[in-house]
Amino acid sequence: MRVSTRGDYASRALLSLALHNNVTTPTSVRDLAERTGLPQPYLEQILLSLKGVGLVRSKRGVGGGYVLARSPESITLADIVAAVDGPIVAGDFGKPHQDGACDHEGQCVLLDVWADVGSHMREHLSSFTLADMVLQAKGGKPVPRTHSA
């Protein structure tokens, strides 16, 4: 899997909002773009996608901007990437034994492997919350992860 630029930018934007989550006023797109070094027009599109799935809320007008819609502990990297890139999968190969997907030698074995890879990617990205990353960004130790082979 390759995380897209949209996935990376969305993650950076939400991490910045999480780092400033104790601020009572929303963060403008302009301020968020300056803090993260992201291009403002592209960031605006990404924030609209994140708003559409309920990860951020917006306020219009003077003093308007964006805030997290959920706590940093409840937002994972999997949530963010899926919001802007769609489902986290290893490829668009179809499911084994459906729609004639196993018409060729060995294909079902590979389809099972690709499905398993996608599942592991989702699980791994789901193990990282914005709260974990805030702690690490502020000098805390990374949350230990256990990985099975």
Protein backbone atom coordinates (compact mmCIF):
# COMPACT_ATOMS: atom_id res chain seq x y z
CA MET A 1 0.00 0.00 0.00
CA ARG A 2 1.11 3.49 -0.71
CA VAL A 3 -0.40 6.34 1.29
CA SER A 4 -1.42 9.08 -1.12
CA THR A 5 -0.49 12.73 -0.78
CA ARG A 6 -4.11 13.34 0.29
CA GLY A 7 -3.75 10.75 3.06
CA ASP A 8 -0.48 12.26 4.25
CA TYR A 9 -1.80 15.85 4.14
CA ALA A 10 -5.03 14.88 5.93
CA SER A 11 -3.01 13.16 8.65
CA ARG A 12 -0.72 16.16 9.05
CA ALA A 13 -3.67 18.57 9.23
CA LEU A 14 -5.52 16.53 11.85
CA LEU A 15 -2.35 16.05 13.88
CA SER A 16 -1.90 19.82 13.91
CA LEU A 17 -5.50 20.29 15.06
CA ALA A 18 -4.93 17.65 17.75
CA LEU A 19 -1.74 19.37 18.91
CA HIS A 20 -3.81 22.54 19.44
CA ASN A 21 -6.97 20.76 20.62
CA ASN A 22 -7.09 22.70 23.89
CA VAL A 23 -7.57 25.99 22.02
CA THR A 24 -11.18 27.15 22.31
CA THR A 25 -11.37 28.85 18.92
CA PRO A 26 -11.38 27.08 15.56
CA THR A 27 -8.23 27.09 13.44
CA SER A 28 -8.52 28.87 10.10
CA VAL A 29 -7.45 27.05 6.96
CA ARG A 30 -4.84 29.73 6.45
CA ASP A 31 -3.31 29.19 9.91
CA LEU A 32 -3.45 25.43 9.48
CA ALA A 33 -1.73 25.70 6.10
CA GLU A 34 1.00 27.90 7.60
CA ARG A 35 1.58 25.57 10.59
CA THR A 36 1.78 22.45 8.44
CA GLY A 37 3.40 23.86 5.30
CA LEU A 38 0.55 22.48 3.17
CA PRO A 39 -0.91 24.29 0.15
CA GLN A 40 -4.07 26.09 1.28
CA PRO A 41 -6.33 25.33 -1.75
CA TYR A 42 -5.57 21.60 -1.54
CA LEU A 43 -5.95 21.64 2.24
CA GLU A 44 -9.42 23.20 1.87
CA GLN A 45 -10.52 20.27 -0.33
CA ILE A 46 -9.13 17.74 2.13
CA LEU A 47 -10.82 19.41 5.10
CA LEU A 48 -14.16 19.26 3.27
CA SER A 49 -13.69 15.51 2.82
CA LEU A 50 -12.81 15.12 6.50
CA LYS A 51 -15.85 17.18 7.46
CA GLY A 52 -18.05 14.97 5.28
CA VAL A 53 -17.13 11.88 7.31
CA GLY A 54 -17.37 13.63 10.67
CA LEU A 55 -13.70 13.92 11.61
CA VAL A 56 -13.75 17.74 11.75
CA ARG A 57 -16.37 20.44 12.26
CA SER A 58 -16.28 23.90 10.77
CA LYS A 59 -17.47 27.32 11.84
CA ARG A 60 -18.10 30.06 9.32
CA GLY A 61 -17.39 33.75 9.55
CA VAL A 62 -15.01 35.83 11.62
CA GLY A 63 -13.13 33.57 13.99
CA GLY A 64 -14.21 30.58 11.96
CA GLY A 65 -12.21 27.57 10.96
CA TYR A 66 -11.94 23.89 11.84
CA VAL A 67 -11.85 21.82 15.03
CA LEU A 68 -11.72 18.10 15.63
CA ALA A 69 -15.20 16.59 15.73
CA ARG A 70 -14.06 13.70 17.93
CA SER A 71 -11.44 13.26 20.61
CA PRO A 72 -7.85 12.56 19.47
CA GLU A 73 -8.08 9.20 21.28
CA SER A 74 -10.91 8.10 19.00
CA ILE A 75 -9.40 9.09 15.63
CA THR A 76 -7.00 6.63 14.02
CA LEU A 77 -4.75 6.88 11.00
CA ALA A 78 -7.01 4.29 9.37
CA ASP A 79 -9.99 6.64 9.84
CA ILE A 80 -8.11 9.53 8.27
CA VAL A 81 -6.65 7.66 5.29
CA ALA A 82 -9.96 5.93 4.51
CA ALA A 83 -11.77 9.29 4.68
CA VAL A 84 -9.72 10.80 1.86
CA ASP A 85 -8.51 7.74 -0.07
CA GLY A 86 -11.38 5.28 0.30
CA PRO A 87 -11.17 1.74 1.65
CA ILE A 88 -7.74 0.52 2.75
CA VAL A 89 -6.99 -2.47 0.55
CA ALA A 90 -3.91 -4.02 -1.03
CA GLY A 91 -5.49 -3.84 -4.48
CA ASP A 92 -8.76 -3.96 -6.35
CA PHE A 93 -8.60 -7.63 -7.27
CA GLY A 94 -12.04 -8.83 -6.21
CA LYS A 95 -12.97 -11.40 -3.62
CA PRO A 96 -12.10 -15.08 -3.93
CA HIS A 97 -14.84 -17.29 -5.37
CA GLN A 98 -17.02 -14.38 -6.49
CA ASP A 99 -17.79 -13.16 -9.97
CA GLY A 100 -15.57 -15.80 -11.57
CA ALA A 101 -12.55 -14.45 -9.70
CA CYS A 102 -10.86 -17.87 -9.61
CA ASP A 103 -10.98 -18.69 -13.29
CA HIS A 104 -7.21 -18.92 -13.60
CA GLU A 105 -4.60 -21.17 -12.03
CA GLY A 106 -3.63 -20.14 -8.50
CA GLN A 107 -5.67 -16.95 -8.59
CA CYS A 108 -7.76 -17.76 -5.47
CA VAL A 109 -4.62 -18.28 -3.41
CA LEU A 110 -3.33 -14.85 -4.38
CA LEU A 111 -6.71 -13.21 -3.83
CA ASP A 112 -6.73 -14.59 -0.29
CA VAL A 113 -3.20 -13.23 0.28
CA TRP A 114 -4.09 -9.75 -1.02
CA ALA A 115 -7.20 -9.67 1.18
CA ASP A 116 -5.06 -10.64 4.19
CA VAL A 117 -2.50 -7.92 3.37
CA GLY A 118 -5.28 -5.31 3.23
CA SER A 119 -6.60 -6.50 6.58
CA HIS A 120 -3.15 -6.18 8.18
CA MET A 121 -2.73 -2.66 6.76
CA ARG A 122 -6.10 -1.59 8.21
CA GLU A 123 -5.27 -3.13 11.59
CA HIS A 124 -1.85 -1.49 11.71
CA LEU A 125 -3.13 1.98 10.78
CA SER A 126 -5.96 1.52 13.27
CA SER A 127 -3.40 1.01 16.04
CA PHE A 128 -2.23 4.66 15.78
CA THR A 129 -4.47 7.36 17.27
CA LEU A 130 -4.01 11.10 17.02
CA ALA A 131 -3.53 11.10 20.79
CA ASP A 132 -0.59 8.68 20.40
CA MET A 133 0.99 10.94 17.81
CA VAL A 134 0.41 14.08 19.89
CA LEU A 135 2.19 12.44 22.81
CA GLN A 136 5.11 11.45 20.60
CA ALA A 137 5.26 14.88 18.91
CA LYS A 138 5.52 16.47 22.35
CA GLY A 139 8.52 14.30 23.20
CA GLY A 140 6.75 11.31 24.71
CA LYS A 141 7.77 7.77 23.98
CA PRO A 142 6.09 6.01 21.06
CA VAL A 143 3.30 3.66 22.01
CA PRO A 144 4.69 0.11 21.75
CA ARG A 145 3.11 -1.95 19.00
CA THR A 146 3.13 -5.71 18.76
CA HIS A 147 3.31 -7.17 15.29
CA SER A 148 2.67 -10.76 14.40
CA ALA A 149 4.43 -12.29 11.47
